[in-house]
C-alpha atoms as a PDB file:
ATOM      1  CA  MET A   1      -6.224 -10.303  -9.318  1.00  0.00           C
ATOM      2  CA  GLY A   2      -7.970  -7.499 -11.295  1.00  0.00           C
ATOM      3  CA  ASP A   3      -9.006  -5.764  -8.061  1.00  0.00           C
ATOM      4  CA  ARG A   4      -5.453  -5.823  -6.755  1.00  0.00           C
ATOM      5  CA  ILE A   5      -3.127  -4.357  -9.674  1.00  0.00           C
ATOM      6  CA  LYS A   6      -3.907  -0.760  -8.463  1.00  0.00           C
ATOM      7  CA  PRO A   7      -2.117  -1.652  -5.049  1.00  0.00           C
ATOM      8  CA  ILE A   8       0.101  -3.601  -6.220  1.00  0.00           C
ATOM      9  CA  LEU A   9       1.444  -0.824  -9.159  1.00  0.00           C
ATOM     10  CA  GLY A  10       0.893   1.620  -6.185  1.00  0.00           C
ATOM     11  CA  PHE A  11       3.636  -0.649  -3.833  1.00  0.00           C
ATOM     12  CA  ALA A  12       6.182  -0.729  -7.230  1.00  0.00           C
ATOM     13  CA  VAL A  13       5.708   3.149  -7.790  1.00  0.00           C
ATOM     14  CA  THR A  14       6.574   3.772  -4.574  1.00  0.00           C
ATOM     15  CA  ILE A  15       9.681   1.892  -3.592  1.00  0.00           C
ATOM     16  CA  THR A  16      10.966   3.366  -7.525  1.00  0.00           C
ATOM     17  CA  ALA A  17      10.007   6.747  -6.758  1.00  0.00           C
ATOM     18  CA  LEU A  18      12.143   6.289  -3.267  1.00  0.00           C
ATOM     19  CA  HIS A  19      14.733   5.281  -5.041  1.00  0.00           C
ATOM     20  CA  PHE A  20      15.217   7.757  -7.206  1.00  0.00           C
ATOM     21  CA  VAL A  21      14.494  10.672  -4.812  1.00  0.00           C
ATOM     22  CA  LEU A  22      16.806   8.921  -2.393  1.00  0.00           C
ATOM     23  CA  SER A  23      19.810   8.370  -5.434  1.00  0.00           C
ATOM     24  CA  LEU A  24      19.424  11.476  -6.630  1.00  0.00           C
ATOM     25  CA  SER A  25      19.183  13.790  -3.064  1.00  0.00           C
ATOM     26  CA  LEU A  26      21.717  11.699  -0.848  1.00  0.00           C
ATOM     27  CA  GLY A  27      23.812   9.940  -3.239  1.00  0.00           C
ATOM     28  CA  ASP A  28      27.077  11.302  -2.142  1.00  0.00           C
ATOM     29  CA  VAL A  29      25.824  11.341   1.415  1.00  0.00           C
ATOM     30  CA  LEU A  30      25.134   7.640   1.133  1.00  0.00           C
ATOM     31  CA  ALA A  31      28.452   7.300  -0.295  1.00  0.00           C
ATOM     32  CA  GLY A  32      30.038   8.380   2.547  1.00  0.00           C
ATOM     33  CA  ILE A  33      29.179   6.394   4.699  1.00  0.00           C
ATOM     34  CA  GLY A  34      29.894   3.156   2.521  1.00  0.00           C
ATOM     35  CA  MET A  35      26.446   2.574   1.047  1.00  0.00           C
ATOM     36  CA  GLU A  36      27.289   2.747  -2.700  1.00  0.00           C
ATOM     37  CA  ALA A  37      24.043   3.065  -5.325  1.00  0.00           C
ATOM     38  CA  PRO A  38      24.123  -0.233  -7.554  1.00  0.00           C
ATOM     39  CA  VAL A  39      25.172   0.699 -10.977  1.00  0.00           C
ATOM     40  CA  GLY A  40      24.169  -0.550 -14.269  1.00  0.00           C
ATOM     41  CA  GLY A  41      22.274  -3.668 -13.373  1.00  0.00           C
ATOM     42  CA  VAL A  42      20.886  -6.426 -16.158  1.00  0.00           C
ATOM     43  CA  LEU A  43      18.265  -4.333 -18.001  1.00  0.00           C
ATOM     44  CA  GLY A  44      20.389  -0.924 -17.276  1.00  0.00           C
ATOM     45  CA  GLU A  45      19.259   0.905 -14.009  1.00  0.00           C
ATOM     46  CA  PRO A  46      16.086   2.333 -15.005  1.00  0.00           C
ATOM     47  CA  GLY A  47      14.584  -0.876 -16.308  1.00  0.00           C
ATOM     48  CA  THR A  48      16.479  -3.332 -13.534  1.00  0.00           C
ATOM     49  CA  ILE A  49      14.789  -1.188 -10.855  1.00  0.00           C
ATOM     50  CA  ILE A  50      11.082  -1.018 -12.329  1.00  0.00           C
ATOM     51  CA  VAL A  51      11.486  -5.062 -12.602  1.00  0.00           C
ATOM     52  CA  PHE A  52      12.675  -5.275  -9.478  1.00  0.00           C
ATOM     53  CA  THR A  53      10.215  -3.473  -7.900  1.00  0.00           C
ATOM     54  CA  LEU A  54       7.229  -5.442  -9.792  1.00  0.00           C
ATOM     55  CA  VAL A  55       8.733  -8.439  -8.637  1.00  0.00           C
ATOM     56  CA  LEU A  56       8.897  -7.019  -5.095  1.00  0.00           C
ATOM     57  CA  ALA A  57       5.382  -5.859  -5.161  1.00  0.00           C
ATOM     58  CA  LEU A  58       3.756  -8.893  -6.618  1.00  0.00           C
ATOM     59  CA  THR A  59       5.763 -11.283  -3.736  1.00  0.00           C
ATOM     60  CA  TYR A  60       4.533  -8.793  -1.376  1.00  0.00           C
ATOM     61  CA  ASP A  61       0.839  -8.917  -2.566  1.00  0.00           C
ATOM     62  CA  TRP A  62       1.452 -12.576  -2.451  1.00  0.00           C
ATOM     63  CA  VAL A  63       2.487 -12.552   1.082  1.00  0.00           C
ATOM     64  CA  VAL A  64      -0.494 -10.140   2.316  1.00  0.00           C
ATOM     65  CA  GLN A  65      -3.057 -12.874   0.047  1.00  0.00           C
ATOM     66  CA  SER A  66      -1.286 -16.032   1.721  1.00  0.00           C
ATOM     67  CA  THR A  67      -1.109 -15.384   5.470  1.00  0.00           C
ATOM     68  CA  GLY A  68      -3.702 -12.643   5.567  1.00  0.00           C
ATOM     69  CA  LEU A  69      -1.348 -10.744   7.448  1.00  0.00           C
ATOM     70  CA  PRO A  70      -1.893  -6.903   7.859  1.00  0.00           C
ATOM     71  CA  VAL A  71      -0.361  -5.122   5.347  1.00  0.00           C
ATOM     72  CA  GLY A  72       1.810  -2.963   7.464  1.00  0.00           C
ATOM     73  CA  GLN A  73       3.074  -6.298   9.684  1.00  0.00           C
ATOM     74  CA  ALA A  74       3.449  -8.030   6.198  1.00  0.00           C
ATOM     75  CA  ALA A  75       6.082  -5.451   4.871  1.00  0.00           C
ATOM     76  CA  ILE A  76       7.601  -5.087   8.010  1.00  0.00           C
ATOM     77  CA  VAL A  77       7.872  -8.939   8.263  1.00  0.00           C
ATOM     78  CA  MET A  78       9.635  -8.735   4.498  1.00  0.00           C
ATOM     79  CA  ALA A  79      11.564  -5.940   5.474  1.00  0.00           C
ATOM     80  CA  VAL A  80      12.879  -7.726   8.201  1.00  0.00           C
ATOM     81  CA  SER A  81      13.961 -10.818   6.750  1.00  0.00           C
ATOM     82  CA  GLY A  82      15.872  -9.114   4.001  1.00  0.00           C
ATOM     83  CA  ILE A  83      17.461  -7.518   6.797  1.00  0.00           C
ATOM     84  CA  VAL A  84      18.426 -10.476   8.379  1.00  0.00           C
ATOM     85  CA  PHE A  85      19.398 -12.358   4.719  1.00  0.00           C
ATOM     86  CA  TYR A  86      21.766  -9.505   3.773  1.00  0.00           C
ATOM     87  CA  ASN A  87      22.700  -6.703   6.275  1.00  0.00           C
ATOM     88  CA  VAL A  88      23.425  -9.343   9.142  1.00  0.00           C
ATOM     89  CA  PHE A  89      25.187 -11.642   6.713  1.00  0.00           C
ATOM     90  CA  GLN A  90      27.455  -8.625   4.945  1.00  0.00           C
ATOM     91  CA  TYR A  91      27.896  -7.471   8.440  1.00  0.00           C
ATOM     92  CA  MET A  92      28.939 -10.375   9.752  1.00  0.00           C
ATOM     93  CA  PHE A  93      30.881 -12.507   6.762  1.00  0.00           C
ATOM     94  CA  GLU A  94      31.829  -9.730   4.724  1.00  0.00           C
ATOM     95  CA  GLN A  95      32.582  -6.989   6.893  1.00  0.00           C
ATOM     96  CA  GLN A  96      30.260  -4.592   5.398  1.00  0.00           C
ATOM     97  CA  VAL A  97      30.858  -1.286   7.515  1.00  0.00           C
ATOM     98  CA  LEU A  98      28.671  -1.147  10.312  1.00  0.00           C
ATOM     99  CA  GLY A  99      27.229   2.275   9.525  1.00  0.00           C
ATOM    100  CA  ALA A 100      26.134   0.809   6.158  1.00  0.00           C
ATOM    101  CA  ALA A 101      24.554  -1.923   7.433  1.00  0.00           C
ATOM    102  CA  ILE A 102      22.561   0.013  10.145  1.00  0.00           C
ATOM    103  CA  GLY A 103      21.764   2.721   7.138  1.00  0.00           C
ATOM    104  CA  GLU A 104      20.421   0.163   4.982  1.00  0.00           C
ATOM    105  CA  SER A 105      18.257  -1.319   7.619  1.00  0.00           C
ATOM    106  CA  VAL A 106      16.668   1.952   8.500  1.00  0.00           C
ATOM    107  CA  LEU A 107      16.280   2.450   4.788  1.00  0.00           C
ATOM    108  CA  THR A 108      14.741  -0.817   3.868  1.00  0.00           C
ATOM    109  CA  LEU A 109      12.207  -0.059   6.936  1.00  0.00           C
ATOM    110  CA  VAL A 110      11.310   3.059   6.041  1.00  0.00           C
ATOM    111  CA  PHE A 111      10.688   1.784   2.044  1.00  0.00           C
ATOM    112  CA  ALA A 112       8.823  -1.242   3.409  1.00  0.00           C
ATOM    113  CA  TYR A 113       6.343   0.689   5.568  1.00  0.00           C
ATOM    114  CA  ALA A 114       6.088   3.589   2.774  1.00  0.00           C
ATOM    115  CA  ALA A 115       5.089   1.261   0.581  1.00  0.00           C
ATOM    116  CA  GLY A 116       2.735  -0.675   2.350  1.00  0.00           C
ATOM    117  CA  THR A 117       1.061   1.830   3.703  1.00  0.00           C
ATOM    118  CA  VAL A 118       0.221   3.080   0.258  1.00  0.00           C
ATOM    119  CA  TYR A 119      -0.257  -0.467  -0.838  1.00  0.00           C
ATOM    120  CA  GLY A 120      -3.202  -0.727   2.004  1.00  0.00           C
ATOM    121  CA  LYS A 121      -4.431   2.802   0.958  1.00  0.00           C
ATOM    122  CA  LEU A 122      -4.942   1.474  -2.424  1.00  0.00           C
ATOM    123  CA  SER A 123      -6.674  -1.861  -1.434  1.00  0.00           C
END
């Protein structure tokens, strides 16, 4: 586990950094197509994002270690699973705006690819 700390932290920092950069640079644009950023959170926005990304990174590491999938493929598999469970469901059953569903799906794939790439480079 000790040798995997660096890639796990790299994965989490990548997701956190992308979230903050995206929120600061494109927050109004994303809100315009129905993609509102979450506000608050259980631990306040910064704390919740940090804890969430660490949980996500640990889950990703577990998937990579237990399945043996290449890091990029594992990231995309996790992203597509999340898209199907969340965005497709939201669009089909809760009338989420199609533009928001597509936008969130693309961003999920970009975040997953970027974080998986960093994980792979640091492994």
